[in-house]
PDB file of N, CA and C in Angstrom:
ATOM      1  N   MET A   1     -22.997 -26.370  -3.119  1.00  0.00           N
ATOM      2  CA  MET A   1     -21.754 -25.785  -2.700  1.00  0.00           C
ATOM      3  C   MET A   1     -21.767 -25.605  -1.266  1.00  0.00           C
ATOM      4  N   ALA A   2     -20.847 -26.249  -0.479  1.00  0.00           N
ATOM      5  CA  ALA A   2     -21.004 -25.991   0.981  1.00  0.00           C
ATOM      6  C   ALA A   2     -20.248 -24.677   1.369  1.00  0.00           C
ATOM      7  N   SER A   3     -20.991 -24.019   2.383  1.00  0.00           N
ATOM      8  CA  SER A   3     -20.348 -22.683   2.863  1.00  0.00           C
ATOM      9  C   SER A   3     -19.201 -22.878   3.732  1.00  0.00           C
ATOM     10  N   LEU A   4     -18.360 -21.820   3.662  1.00  0.00           N
ATOM     11  CA  LEU A   4     -17.042 -21.876   4.471  1.00  0.00           C
ATOM     12  C   LEU A   4     -17.247 -21.514   5.956  1.00  0.00           C
ATOM     13  N   SER A   5     -16.685 -22.154   6.869  1.00  0.00           N
ATOM     14  CA  SER A   5     -16.828 -21.675   8.189  1.00  0.00           C
ATOM     15  C   SER A   5     -16.326 -20.273   8.438  1.00  0.00           C
ATOM     16  N   PRO A   6     -16.792 -19.572   9.390  1.00  0.00           N
ATOM     17  CA  PRO A   6     -16.176 -18.317   9.466  1.00  0.00           C
ATOM     18  C   PRO A   6     -14.576 -18.216   9.368  1.00  0.00           C
ATOM     19  N   ASP A   7     -13.943 -19.010  10.136  1.00  0.00           N
ATOM     20  CA  ASP A   7     -12.571 -18.907  10.289  1.00  0.00           C
ATOM     21  C   ASP A   7     -11.861 -19.248   8.943  1.00  0.00           C
ATOM     22  N   ARG A   8     -12.421 -20.237   8.241  1.00  0.00           N
ATOM     23  CA  ARG A   8     -11.889 -20.589   6.785  1.00  0.00           C
ATOM     24  C   ARG A   8     -12.122 -19.356   5.828  1.00  0.00           C
ATOM     25  N   LEU A   9     -13.230 -18.777   5.947  1.00  0.00           N
ATOM     26  CA  LEU A   9     -13.531 -17.727   5.192  1.00  0.00           C
ATOM     27  C   LEU A   9     -12.576 -16.584   5.372  1.00  0.00           C
ATOM     28  N   ARG A  10     -12.335 -16.326   6.781  1.00  0.00           N
ATOM     29  CA  ARG A  10     -11.450 -15.077   7.098  1.00  0.00           C
ATOM     30  C   ARG A  10     -10.079 -15.427   6.552  1.00  0.00           C
ATOM     31  N   ASN A  11      -9.517 -16.795   6.755  1.00  0.00           N
ATOM     32  CA  ASN A  11      -8.232 -17.223   6.055  1.00  0.00           C
ATOM     33  C   ASN A  11      -8.161 -16.994   4.586  1.00  0.00           C
ATOM     34  N   GLU A  12      -9.246 -17.466   3.973  1.00  0.00           N
ATOM     35  CA  GLU A  12      -9.241 -17.158   2.498  1.00  0.00           C
ATOM     36  C   GLU A  12      -9.195 -15.776   2.039  1.00  0.00           C
ATOM     37  N   GLN A  13      -9.856 -14.929   2.698  1.00  0.00           N
ATOM     38  CA  GLN A  13      -9.928 -13.502   2.349  1.00  0.00           C
ATOM     39  C   GLN A  13      -8.532 -12.953   2.692  1.00  0.00           C
ATOM     40  N   TYR A  14      -7.970 -13.462   3.806  1.00  0.00           N
ATOM     41  CA  TYR A  14      -6.538 -12.963   3.930  1.00  0.00           C
ATOM     42  C   TYR A  14      -5.535 -13.241   3.074  1.00  0.00           C
ATOM     43  N   ARG A  15      -5.643 -14.514   2.457  1.00  0.00           N
ATOM     44  CA  ARG A  15      -4.841 -15.019   1.532  1.00  0.00           C
ATOM     45  C   ARG A  15      -4.822 -14.270   0.245  1.00  0.00           C
ATOM     46  N   GLN A  16      -6.188 -14.133  -0.269  1.00  0.00           N
ATOM     47  CA  GLN A  16      -6.367 -13.406  -1.553  1.00  0.00           C
ATOM     48  C   GLN A  16      -6.207 -11.987  -1.401  1.00  0.00           C
ATOM     49  N   GLY A  17      -6.581 -11.356  -0.326  1.00  0.00           N
ATOM     50  CA  GLY A  17      -6.573  -9.877  -0.313  1.00  0.00           C
ATOM     51  C   GLY A  17      -7.745  -9.390  -1.100  1.00  0.00           C
ATOM     52  N   GLY A  18      -7.840  -7.978  -0.944  1.00  0.00           N
ATOM     53  CA  GLY A  18      -8.954  -7.290  -1.480  1.00  0.00           C
ATOM     54  C   GLY A  18      -8.746  -6.115  -2.319  1.00  0.00           C
ATOM     55  N   PHE A  19      -9.516  -5.450  -2.919  1.00  0.00           N
ATOM     56  CA  PHE A  19      -9.508  -4.168  -3.589  1.00  0.00           C
ATOM     57  C   PHE A  19     -10.113  -3.127  -2.822  1.00  0.00           C
ATOM     58  N   THR A  20      -9.426  -2.068  -2.717  1.00  0.00           N
ATOM     59  CA  THR A  20     -10.212  -0.809  -1.926  1.00  0.00           C
ATOM     60  C   THR A  20      -9.884   0.429  -2.740  1.00  0.00           C
ATOM     61  N   GLN A  21     -10.818   1.208  -2.731  1.00  0.00           N
ATOM     62  CA  GLN A  21     -10.744   2.609  -3.358  1.00  0.00           C
ATOM     63  C   GLN A  21     -10.532   3.545  -2.224  1.00  0.00           C
ATOM     64  N   VAL A  22      -9.507   4.496  -2.223  1.00  0.00           N
ATOM     65  CA  VAL A  22      -9.243   5.371  -1.151  1.00  0.00           C
ATOM     66  C   VAL A  22      -9.504   6.880  -1.694  1.00  0.00           C
ATOM     67  N   THR A  23     -10.203   7.631  -0.884  1.00  0.00           N
ATOM     68  CA  THR A  23     -10.382   8.943  -1.187  1.00  0.00           C
ATOM     69  C   THR A  23     -10.174   9.951  -0.044  1.00  0.00           C
ATOM     70  N   ALA A  24      -9.921   9.330   1.215  1.00  0.00           N
ATOM     71  CA  ALA A  24      -9.663  10.055   2.418  1.00  0.00           C
ATOM     72  C   ALA A  24      -8.602   9.401   3.203  1.00  0.00           C
ATOM     73  N   ALA A  25      -8.191  10.217   4.177  1.00  0.00           N
ATOM     74  CA  ALA A  25      -7.150   9.471   5.128  1.00  0.00           C
ATOM     75  C   ALA A  25      -7.703   8.159   5.653  1.00  0.00           C
ATOM     76  N   THR A  26      -6.875   7.098   5.560  1.00  0.00           N
ATOM     77  CA  THR A  26      -7.359   5.889   6.174  1.00  0.00           C
ATOM     78  C   THR A  26      -5.996   5.003   6.707  1.00  0.00           C
ATOM     79  N   THR A  27      -6.327   3.961   7.559  1.00  0.00           N
ATOM     80  CA  THR A  27      -5.281   3.035   7.687  1.00  0.00           C
ATOM     81  C   THR A  27      -5.608   1.636   7.181  1.00  0.00           C
ATOM     82  N   LEU A  28      -4.898   1.199   6.320  1.00  0.00           N
ATOM     83  CA  LEU A  28      -5.257  -0.069   5.579  1.00  0.00           C
ATOM     84  C   LEU A  28      -5.227  -1.266   6.429  1.00  0.00           C
ATOM     85  N   THR A  29      -5.851  -2.331   6.237  1.00  0.00           N
ATOM     86  CA  THR A  29      -5.587  -3.502   6.908  1.00  0.00           C
ATOM     87  C   THR A  29      -5.002  -4.550   5.923  1.00  0.00           C
ATOM     88  N   THR A  30      -4.783  -5.821   6.415  1.00  0.00           N
ATOM     89  CA  THR A  30      -4.028  -6.786   5.533  1.00  0.00           C
ATOM     90  C   THR A  30      -5.018  -7.243   4.484  1.00  0.00           C
ATOM     91  N   LEU A  31      -6.229  -6.918   4.491  1.00  0.00           N
ATOM     92  CA  LEU A  31      -7.198  -7.259   3.454  1.00  0.00           C
ATOM     93  C   LEU A  31      -7.129  -6.271   2.212  1.00  0.00           C
ATOM     94  N   ASP A  32      -6.536  -5.065   2.464  1.00  0.00           N
ATOM     95  CA  ASP A  32      -6.760  -4.151   1.513  1.00  0.00           C
ATOM     96  C   ASP A  32      -5.338  -4.186   0.692  1.00  0.00           C
ATOM     97  N   ARG A  33      -5.309  -5.015  -0.272  1.00  0.00           N
ATOM     98  CA  ARG A  33      -4.101  -5.344  -0.908  1.00  0.00           C
ATOM     99  C   ARG A  33      -3.935  -4.715  -2.417  1.00  0.00           C
ATOM    100  N   THR A  34      -5.055  -4.394  -2.972  1.00  0.00           N
ATOM    101  CA  THR A  34      -4.842  -3.586  -4.233  1.00  0.00           C
ATOM    102  C   THR A  34      -5.607  -2.220  -4.011  1.00  0.00           C
ATOM    103  N   VAL A  35      -4.716  -1.241  -3.953  1.00  0.00           N
ATOM    104  CA  VAL A  35      -5.382   0.143  -3.551  1.00  0.00           C
ATOM    105  C   VAL A  35      -5.413   1.165  -4.623  1.00  0.00           C
ATOM    106  N   GLU A  36      -6.486   1.498  -4.995  1.00  0.00           N
ATOM    107  CA  GLU A  36      -6.636   2.761  -5.967  1.00  0.00           C
ATOM    108  C   GLU A  36      -6.639   4.132  -4.931  1.00  0.00           C
ATOM    109  N   LEU A  37      -5.586   4.999  -5.287  1.00  0.00           N
ATOM    110  CA  LEU A  37      -5.695   6.287  -4.720  1.00  0.00           C
ATOM    111  C   LEU A  37      -6.126   7.344  -5.518  1.00  0.00           C
ATOM    112  N   ASN A  38      -7.279   7.934  -5.067  1.00  0.00           N
ATOM    113  CA  ASN A  38      -7.785   9.158  -5.804  1.00  0.00           C
ATOM    114  C   ASN A  38      -7.456  10.428  -5.012  1.00  0.00           C
ATOM    115  N   ASN A  39      -6.536  11.090  -5.710  1.00  0.00           N
ATOM    116  CA  ASN A  39      -5.932  12.288  -5.100  1.00  0.00           C
ATOM    117  C   ASN A  39      -6.660  13.694  -5.520  1.00  0.00           C
ATOM    118  N   SER A  40      -8.013  13.562  -5.416  1.00  0.00           N
ATOM    119  CA  SER A  40      -8.775  14.927  -5.625  1.00  0.00           C
ATOM    120  C   SER A  40      -8.721  15.632  -4.305  1.00  0.00           C
ATOM    121  N   ALA A  41      -8.116  14.996  -3.336  1.00  0.00           N
ATOM    122  CA  ALA A  41      -7.863  15.907  -2.042  1.00  0.00           C
ATOM    123  C   ALA A  41      -6.561  15.133  -1.438  1.00  0.00           C
ATOM    124  N   ALA A  42      -5.924  16.064  -0.694  1.00  0.00           N
ATOM    125  CA  ALA A  42      -4.666  15.652   0.059  1.00  0.00           C
ATOM    126  C   ALA A  42      -5.145  14.796   1.231  1.00  0.00           C
ATOM    127  N   TYR A  43      -4.332  13.768   1.445  1.00  0.00           N
ATOM    128  CA  TYR A  43      -4.694  13.001   2.721  1.00  0.00           C
ATOM    129  C   TYR A  43      -3.508  11.899   2.824  1.00  0.00           C
ATOM    130  N   THR A  44      -3.351  11.195   3.815  1.00  0.00           N
ATOM    131  CA  THR A  44      -2.531  10.265   4.278  1.00  0.00           C
ATOM    132  C   THR A  44      -3.063   8.810   4.369  1.00  0.00           C
ATOM    133  N   VAL A  45      -2.327   7.876   3.883  1.00  0.00           N
ATOM    134  CA  VAL A  45      -2.758   6.383   3.957  1.00  0.00           C
ATOM    135  C   VAL A  45      -1.664   5.743   4.575  1.00  0.00           C
ATOM    136  N   THR A  46      -1.972   5.029   5.618  1.00  0.00           N
ATOM    137  CA  THR A  46      -1.106   4.337   6.443  1.00  0.00           C
ATOM    138  C   THR A  46      -1.129   2.899   6.415  1.00  0.00           C
ATOM    139  N   LEU A  47       0.060   2.188   6.069  1.00  0.00           N
ATOM    140  CA  LEU A  47       0.104   0.784   5.881  1.00  0.00           C
ATOM    141  C   LEU A  47      -0.150   0.053   7.249  1.00  0.00           C
ATOM    142  N   PRO A  48      -0.587  -1.186   7.139  1.00  0.00           N
ATOM    143  CA  PRO A  48      -0.911  -1.879   8.391  1.00  0.00           C
ATOM    144  C   PRO A  48       0.394  -2.256   8.970  1.00  0.00           C
ATOM    145  N   PRO A  49       0.429  -2.553  10.217  1.00  0.00           N
ATOM    146  CA  PRO A  49       1.809  -2.934  10.996  1.00  0.00           C
ATOM    147  C   PRO A  49       2.535  -3.890  10.310  1.00  0.00           C
ATOM    148  N   ALA A  50       3.835  -3.781  10.098  1.00  0.00           N
ATOM    149  CA  ALA A  50       4.762  -4.727   9.367  1.00  0.00           C
ATOM    150  C   ALA A  50       4.500  -6.228   9.877  1.00  0.00           C
ATOM    151  N   ALA A  51       4.501  -6.214  11.278  1.00  0.00           N
ATOM    152  CA  ALA A  51       4.278  -7.581  11.861  1.00  0.00           C
ATOM    153  C   ALA A  51       2.953  -8.266  11.433  1.00  0.00           C
ATOM    154  N   GLU A  52       1.924  -7.591  11.258  1.00  0.00           N
ATOM    155  CA  GLU A  52       0.718  -8.214  10.735  1.00  0.00           C
ATOM    156  C   GLU A  52       0.701  -8.458   9.187  1.00  0.00           C
ATOM    157  N   ALA A  53       1.569  -7.616   8.456  1.00  0.00           N
ATOM    158  CA  ALA A  53       1.509  -7.723   6.867  1.00  0.00           C
ATOM    159  C   ALA A  53       2.544  -8.721   6.447  1.00  0.00           C
ATOM    160  N   MET A  54       3.284  -9.401   7.264  1.00  0.00           N
ATOM    161  CA  MET A  54       4.400 -10.273   7.001  1.00  0.00           C
ATOM    162  C   MET A  54       3.870 -11.258   5.824  1.00  0.00           C
ATOM    163  N   GLY A  55       4.699 -11.301   4.711  1.00  0.00           N
ATOM    164  CA  GLY A  55       4.397 -12.243   3.567  1.00  0.00           C
ATOM    165  C   GLY A  55       3.454 -11.632   2.595  1.00  0.00           C
ATOM    166  N   LEU A  56       2.889 -10.416   2.688  1.00  0.00           N
ATOM    167  CA  LEU A  56       1.877  -9.893   1.935  1.00  0.00           C
ATOM    168  C   LEU A  56       2.713  -8.891   0.739  1.00  0.00           C
ATOM    169  N   THR A  57       1.786  -8.708  -0.381  1.00  0.00           N
ATOM    170  CA  THR A  57       2.274  -7.781  -1.371  1.00  0.00           C
ATOM    171  C   THR A  57       1.007  -6.664  -1.313  1.00  0.00           C
ATOM    172  N   PHE A  58       1.325  -5.549  -1.415  1.00  0.00           N
ATOM    173  CA  PHE A  58       0.318  -4.446  -1.567  1.00  0.00           C
ATOM    174  C   PHE A  58       0.777  -3.582  -2.709  1.00  0.00           C
ATOM    175  N   THR A  59      -0.308  -3.336  -3.761  1.00  0.00           N
ATOM    176  CA  THR A  59      -0.235  -2.618  -4.979  1.00  0.00           C
ATOM    177  C   THR A  59      -0.914  -1.330  -4.735  1.00  0.00           C
ATOM    178  N   PHE A  60      -0.449  -0.251  -5.243  1.00  0.00           N
ATOM    179  CA  PHE A  60      -1.094   1.090  -5.130  1.00  0.00           C
ATOM    180  C   PHE A  60      -1.117   1.665  -6.443  1.00  0.00           C
ATOM    181  N   ARG A  61      -2.145   2.398  -7.032  1.00  0.00           N
ATOM    182  CA  ARG A  61      -2.091   2.925  -8.200  1.00  0.00           C
ATOM    183  C   ARG A  61      -3.107   4.360  -8.209  1.00  0.00           C
ATOM    184  N   GLN A  62      -2.407   5.463  -8.733  1.00  0.00           N
ATOM    185  CA  GLN A  62      -3.172   6.555  -8.455  1.00  0.00           C
ATOM    186  C   GLN A  62      -4.014   6.516  -9.772  1.00  0.00           C
ATOM    187  N   THR A  63      -5.272   7.083  -9.488  1.00  0.00           N
ATOM    188  CA  THR A  63      -6.426   7.093 -10.591  1.00  0.00           C
ATOM    189  C   THR A  63      -6.661   8.463 -10.981  1.00  0.00           C
ATOM    190  N   THR A  64      -6.260   9.383 -10.381  1.00  0.00           N
ATOM    191  CA  THR A  64      -6.603  10.673 -10.926  1.00  0.00           C
ATOM    192  C   THR A  64      -5.286  11.578 -10.949  1.00  0.00           C
ATOM    193  N   GLY A  65      -5.293  12.613 -11.804  1.00  0.00           N
ATOM    194  CA  GLY A  65      -4.079  13.422 -12.087  1.00  0.00           C
ATOM    195  C   GLY A  65      -4.336  14.739 -11.556  1.00  0.00           C
ATOM    196  N   THR A  66      -4.115  15.018 -10.252  1.00  0.00           N
ATOM    197  CA  THR A  66      -4.223  16.467  -9.614  1.00  0.00           C
ATOM    198  C   THR A  66      -2.714  16.612  -9.007  1.00  0.00           C
ATOM    199  N   SER A  67      -2.587  17.927  -8.633  1.00  0.00           N
ATOM    200  CA  SER A  67      -1.500  18.398  -7.856  1.00  0.00           C
ATOM    201  C   SER A  67      -1.525  18.171  -6.365  1.00  0.00           C
ATOM    202  N   LEU A  68      -2.541  17.483  -5.780  1.00  0.00           N
ATOM    203  CA  LEU A  68      -2.646  17.267  -4.402  1.00  0.00           C
ATOM    204  C   LEU A  68      -2.050  15.966  -3.908  1.00  0.00           C
ATOM    205  N   ASP A  69      -1.273  15.907  -2.898  1.00  0.00           N
ATOM    206  CA  ASP A  69      -0.578  14.737  -2.481  1.00  0.00           C
ATOM    207  C   ASP A  69      -1.342  13.793  -1.767  1.00  0.00           C
ATOM    208  N   VAL A  70      -1.081  12.548  -1.978  1.00  0.00           N
ATOM    209  CA  VAL A  70      -1.460  11.439  -1.298  1.00  0.00           C
ATOM    210  C   VAL A  70      -0.270  10.850  -0.641  1.00  0.00           C
ATOM    211  N   VAL A  71      -0.071  10.897   0.548  1.00  0.00           N
ATOM    212  CA  VAL A  71       1.224  10.338   1.296  1.00  0.00           C
ATOM    213  C   VAL A  71       0.913   8.969   1.834  1.00  0.00           C
ATOM    214  N   LEU A  72       1.899   8.066   1.592  1.00  0.00           N
ATOM    215  CA  LEU A  72       1.830   6.651   1.918  1.00  0.00           C
ATOM    216  C   LEU A  72       2.750   6.519   3.110  1.00  0.00           C
ATOM    217  N   SER A  73       2.358   6.185   4.319  1.00  0.00           N
ATOM    218  CA  SER A  73       3.214   6.205   5.571  1.00  0.00           C
ATOM    219  C   SER A  73       2.973   4.719   6.055  1.00  0.00           C
ATOM    220  N   ASP A  74       4.185   4.480   6.881  1.00  0.00           N
ATOM    221  CA  ASP A  74       4.108   3.061   7.589  1.00  0.00           C
ATOM    222  C   ASP A  74       3.729   3.285   8.867  1.00  0.00           C
ATOM    223  N   GLY A  75       3.354   4.609   9.517  1.00  0.00           N
ATOM    224  CA  GLY A  75       2.797   4.878  10.783  1.00  0.00           C
ATOM    225  C   GLY A  75       3.722   4.548  11.819  1.00  0.00           C
ATOM    226  N   GLY A  76       5.158   4.473  11.602  1.00  0.00           N
ATOM    227  CA  GLY A  76       6.150   4.163  12.679  1.00  0.00           C
ATOM    228  C   GLY A  76       6.148   2.520  12.970  1.00  0.00           C
ATOM    229  N   ASN A  77       5.546   1.849  12.140  1.00  0.00           N
ATOM    230  CA  ASN A  77       5.254   0.286  12.419  1.00  0.00           C
ATOM    231  C   ASN A  77       6.190  -0.581  11.614  1.00  0.00           C
ATOM    232  N   SER A  78       7.426  -0.113  11.348  1.00  0.00           N
ATOM    233  CA  SER A  78       8.201  -1.004  10.570  1.00  0.00           C
ATOM    234  C   SER A  78       9.785  -0.593  10.857  1.00  0.00           C
ATOM    235  N   GLN A  79      10.625  -1.287  10.430  1.00  0.00           N
ATOM    236  CA  GLN A  79      12.045  -1.040  10.402  1.00  0.00           C
ATOM    237  C   GLN A  79      12.511  -0.050   9.361  1.00  0.00           C
ATOM    238  N   GLY A  80      11.834   0.005   8.477  1.00  0.00           N
ATOM    239  CA  GLY A  80      12.282   0.969   7.212  1.00  0.00           C
ATOM    240  C   GLY A  80      11.609   0.216   5.893  1.00  0.00           C
ATOM    241  N   ARG A  81      12.452   0.560   4.905  1.00  0.00           N
ATOM    242  CA  ARG A  81      11.981   0.087   3.531  1.00  0.00           C
ATOM    243  C   ARG A  81      13.359  -0.387   2.915  1.00  0.00           C
ATOM    244  N   ILE A  82      13.116  -1.368   1.949  1.00  0.00           N
ATOM    245  CA  ILE A  82      14.388  -1.729   1.193  1.00  0.00           C
ATOM    246  C   ILE A  82      14.120  -1.240  -0.509  1.00  0.00           C
ATOM    247  N   THR A  83      14.837  -0.591  -1.053  1.00  0.00           N
ATOM    248  CA  THR A  83      14.466  -0.115  -2.357  1.00  0.00           C
ATOM    249  C   THR A  83      14.713  -1.108  -3.484  1.00  0.00           C
ATOM    250  N   GLU A  84      14.281  -0.688  -4.666  1.00  0.00           N
ATOM    251  CA  GLU A  84      14.417  -1.555  -5.848  1.00  0.00           C
ATOM    252  C   GLU A  84      16.067  -1.809  -6.001  1.00  0.00           C
ATOM    253  N   ALA A  85      16.743  -0.855  -5.661  1.00  0.00           N
ATOM    254  CA  ALA A  85      18.260  -1.050  -5.898  1.00  0.00           C
ATOM    255  C   ALA A  85      18.993  -1.901  -4.652  1.00  0.00           C
ATOM    256  N   GLY A  86      17.994  -2.306  -3.720  1.00  0.00           N
ATOM    257  CA  GLY A  86      18.525  -3.178  -2.637  1.00  0.00           C
ATOM    258  C   GLY A  86      19.130  -2.484  -1.453  1.00  0.00           C
ATOM    259  N   GLY A  87      18.969  -1.197  -1.294  1.00  0.00           N
ATOM    260  CA  GLY A  87      19.595  -0.442  -0.261  1.00  0.00           C
ATOM    261  C   GLY A  87      18.487  -0.315   0.929  1.00  0.00           C
ATOM    262  N   THR A  88      18.899  -0.670   2.236  1.00  0.00           N
ATOM    263  CA  THR A  88      18.146  -0.483   3.375  1.00  0.00           C
ATOM    264  C   THR A  88      18.070   0.857   3.733  1.00  0.00           C
ATOM    265  N   VAL A  89      16.896   1.579   3.879  1.00  0.00           N
ATOM    266  CA  VAL A  89      16.640   2.830   4.428  1.00  0.00           C
ATOM    267  C   VAL A  89      15.723   2.933   5.297  1.00  0.00           C
ATOM    268  N   ALA A  90      15.859   4.106   6.342  1.00  0.00           N
ATOM    269  CA  ALA A  90      14.583   4.236   7.307  1.00  0.00           C
ATOM    270  C   ALA A  90      13.457   4.443   6.436  1.00  0.00           C
ATOM    271  N   TRP A  91      12.389   4.503   6.993  1.00  0.00           N
ATOM    272  CA  TRP A  91      11.048   4.617   6.256  1.00  0.00           C
ATOM    273  C   TRP A  91      11.052   6.112   5.717  1.00  0.00           C
ATOM    274  N   VAL A  92      10.734   6.376   4.561  1.00  0.00           N
ATOM    275  CA  VAL A  92      10.364   7.720   4.174  1.00  0.00           C
ATOM    276  C   VAL A  92       9.272   7.534   3.229  1.00  0.00           C
ATOM    277  N   ASN A  93       8.149   8.505   3.737  1.00  0.00           N
ATOM    278  CA  ASN A  93       6.923   8.300   3.090  1.00  0.00           C
ATOM    279  C   ASN A  93       7.046   8.521   1.432  1.00  0.00           C
ATOM    280  N   TYR A  94       6.183   7.753   0.987  1.00  0.00           N
ATOM    281  CA  TYR A  94       6.038   7.734  -0.548  1.00  0.00           C
ATOM    282  C   TYR A  94       5.008   8.822  -0.762  1.00  0.00           C
ATOM    283  N   ILE A  95       5.101   9.709  -1.924  1.00  0.00           N
ATOM    284  CA  ILE A  95       4.171  10.840  -2.158  1.00  0.00           C
ATOM    285  C   ILE A  95       3.715  10.667  -3.621  1.00  0.00           C
ATOM    286  N   PHE A  96       2.428  10.433  -3.755  1.00  0.00           N
ATOM    287  CA  PHE A  96       1.752  10.335  -5.028  1.00  0.00           C
ATOM    288  C   PHE A  96       1.229  11.740  -5.362  1.00  0.00           C
ATOM    289  N   THR A  97       1.872  12.285  -6.429  1.00  0.00           N
ATOM    290  CA  THR A  97       1.614  13.530  -6.852  1.00  0.00           C
ATOM    291  C   THR A  97       1.825  13.786  -8.276  1.00  0.00           C
ATOM    292  N   THR A  98       1.100  13.831  -9.110  1.00  0.00           N
ATOM    293  CA  THR A  98       1.425  14.192 -10.487  1.00  0.00           C
ATOM    294  C   THR A  98       0.142  14.612 -11.202  1.00  0.00           C
ATOM    295  N   THR A  99       0.336  15.527 -12.322  1.00  0.00           N
ATOM    296  CA  THR A  99      -0.858  15.877 -13.030  1.00  0.00           C
ATOM    297  C   THR A  99      -0.739  15.133 -14.470  1.00  0.00           C
ATOM    298  N   SER A 100       0.165  14.402 -14.675  1.00  0.00           N
ATOM    299  CA  SER A 100       0.404  13.882 -15.944  1.00  0.00           C
ATOM    300  C   SER A 100      -0.588  12.764 -16.195  1.00  0.00           C
ATOM    301  N   ALA A 101      -0.682  12.150 -17.620  1.00  0.00           N
ATOM    302  CA  ALA A 101      -1.464  11.156 -17.866  1.00  0.00           C
ATOM    303  C   ALA A 101      -0.903   9.740 -17.249  1.00  0.00           C
ATOM    304  N   ASP A 102       0.352   9.650 -17.216  1.00  0.00           N
ATOM    305  CA  ASP A 102       1.070   8.601 -16.681  1.00  0.00           C
ATOM    306  C   ASP A 102       1.037   8.336 -15.244  1.00  0.00           C
ATOM    307  N   TYR A 103      -0.121   7.825 -14.758  1.00  0.00           N
ATOM    308  CA  TYR A 103      -0.287   7.984 -13.242  1.00  0.00           C
ATOM    309  C   TYR A 103       0.676   7.044 -12.574  1.00  0.00           C
ATOM    310  N   GLU A 104       0.968   7.201 -11.239  1.00  0.00           N
ATOM    311  CA  GLU A 104       2.046   6.738 -10.541  1.00  0.00           C
ATOM    312  C   GLU A 104       1.433   5.203  -9.936  1.00  0.00           C
ATOM    313  N   SER A 105       2.364   4.416  -9.768  1.00  0.00           N
ATOM    314  CA  SER A 105       2.089   3.134  -9.008  1.00  0.00           C
ATOM    315  C   SER A 105       3.157   2.542  -8.337  1.00  0.00           C
ATOM    316  N   LEU A 106       2.975   1.623  -7.445  1.00  0.00           N
ATOM    317  CA  LEU A 106       3.979   1.295  -6.424  1.00  0.00           C
ATOM    318  C   LEU A 106       3.422  -0.111  -6.031  1.00  0.00           C
ATOM    319  N   MET A 107       4.377  -1.032  -5.848  1.00  0.00           N
ATOM    320  CA  MET A 107       4.318  -2.426  -5.314  1.00  0.00           C
ATOM    321  C   MET A 107       5.130  -2.618  -4.211  1.00  0.00           C
ATOM    322  N   LEU A 108       4.577  -2.918  -3.049  1.00  0.00           N
ATOM    323  CA  LEU A 108       5.542  -3.240  -1.801  1.00  0.00           C
ATOM    324  C   LEU A 108       5.184  -4.664  -1.264  1.00  0.00           C
ATOM    325  N   TYR A 109       6.281  -5.340  -0.691  1.00  0.00           N
ATOM    326  CA  TYR A 109       6.172  -6.384  -0.167  1.00  0.00           C
ATOM    327  C   TYR A 109       6.796  -6.379   1.336  1.00  0.00           C
ATOM    328  N   CYS A 110       6.055  -7.093   2.221  1.00  0.00           N
ATOM    329  CA  CYS A 110       6.417  -7.030   3.695  1.00  0.00           C
ATOM    330  C   CYS A 110       7.057  -8.245   4.277  1.00  0.00           C
ATOM    331  N   ASP A 111       8.114  -8.262   4.922  1.00  0.00           N
ATOM    332  CA  ASP A 111       8.624  -9.414   5.377  1.00  0.00           C
ATOM    333  C   ASP A 111       8.565  -9.404   6.806  1.00  0.00           C
ATOM    334  N   GLY A 112       7.693  -8.491   7.359  1.00  0.00           N
ATOM    335  CA  GLY A 112       7.371  -8.621   8.947  1.00  0.00           C
ATOM    336  C   GLY A 112       8.108  -7.569   9.503  1.00  0.00           C
ATOM    337  N   ARG A 113       9.264  -7.116   8.995  1.00  0.00           N
ATOM    338  CA  ARG A 113      10.116  -6.030   9.535  1.00  0.00           C
ATOM    339  C   ARG A 113      10.288  -4.845   8.553  1.00  0.00           C
ATOM    340  N   TYR A 114      10.677  -5.151   7.415  1.00  0.00           N
ATOM    341  CA  TYR A 114      10.762  -4.112   6.399  1.00  0.00           C
ATOM    342  C   TYR A 114       9.837  -4.294   5.296  1.00  0.00           C
ATOM    343  N   TRP A 115       9.544  -3.091   4.564  1.00  0.00           N
ATOM    344  CA  TRP A 115       8.862  -2.955   3.323  1.00  0.00           C
ATOM    345  C   TRP A 115       9.807  -2.983   2.285  1.00  0.00           C
ATOM    346  N   TRP A 116       9.540  -3.939   1.322  1.00  0.00           N
ATOM    347  CA  TRP A 116      10.565  -4.096   0.079  1.00  0.00           C
ATOM    348  C   TRP A 116       9.854  -3.456  -1.096  1.00  0.00           C
ATOM    349  N   GLU A 117      10.386  -2.548  -1.891  1.00  0.00           N
ATOM    350  CA  GLU A 117       9.913  -1.790  -2.817  1.00  0.00           C
ATOM    351  C   GLU A 117      10.028  -2.787  -4.016  1.00  0.00           C
ATOM    352  N   LEU A 118       9.106  -3.503  -4.722  1.00  0.00           N
ATOM    353  CA  LEU A 118       9.221  -4.466  -5.798  1.00  0.00           C
ATOM    354  C   LEU A 118       9.115  -3.597  -7.014  1.00  0.00           C
ATOM    355  N   SER A 119       8.378  -2.693  -7.200  1.00  0.00           N
ATOM    356  CA  SER A 119       8.245  -1.931  -8.389  1.00  0.00           C
ATOM    357  C   SER A 119       7.661  -0.517  -8.014  1.00  0.00           C
ATOM    358  N   ALA A 120       8.208   0.336  -8.705  1.00  0.00           N
ATOM    359  CA  ALA A 120       7.801   1.851  -8.510  1.00  0.00           C
ATOM    360  C   ALA A 120       7.854   2.759  -9.822  1.00  0.00           C
ATOM    361  N   LYS A 121       6.675   3.324  -9.982  1.00  0.00           N
ATOM    362  CA  LYS A 121       6.734   4.204 -11.214  1.00  0.00           C
ATOM    363  C   LYS A 121       5.998   5.663 -10.462  1.00  0.00           C
ATOM    364  N   LEU A 122       7.087   6.406  -9.939  1.00  0.00           N
ATOM    365  CA  LEU A 122       6.623   7.495  -9.126  1.00  0.00           C
ATOM    366  C   LEU A 122       7.339   8.595  -9.905  1.00  0.00           C
ATOM    367  N   VAL A 123       6.821   9.869 -10.024  1.00  0.00           N
ATOM    368  CA  VAL A 123       7.259  11.024 -10.576  1.00  0.00           C
ATOM    369  C   VAL A 123       8.036  11.793  -9.482  1.00  0.00           C
ATOM    370  N   ALA A 124       9.271  12.081  -9.746  1.00  0.00           N
ATOM    371  CA  ALA A 124      10.013  12.592  -8.619  1.00  0.00           C
ATOM    372  C   ALA A 124       9.692  14.317  -8.458  1.00  0.00           C
TER     373      ALA A 124
END
């Protein structure tokens, strides 16, 4: 099997995305597309800039049930978000915090300016 050139390998990784587990404050890259959030500590996760994430989908799921908040922020790098109901709103941080067995999840799509909420199972 022939090996991929570095540019082709990078393009393939970008297309497929990757899996990452987060346990502390971090800024995601465009390769971190399936994200497990462990809220055994309170911290903030920042999305990559919207311009860089254009055309990509990001999936988040909480993996522990504690009362500590994990905040999902756009870092001020987008025009806002569009909710499942289709309304455009300024960016409001998502907060993952639940102690129930029904862990929270979220799927976002980025069009280069806005983050679209495709699916959300968040406890209010």
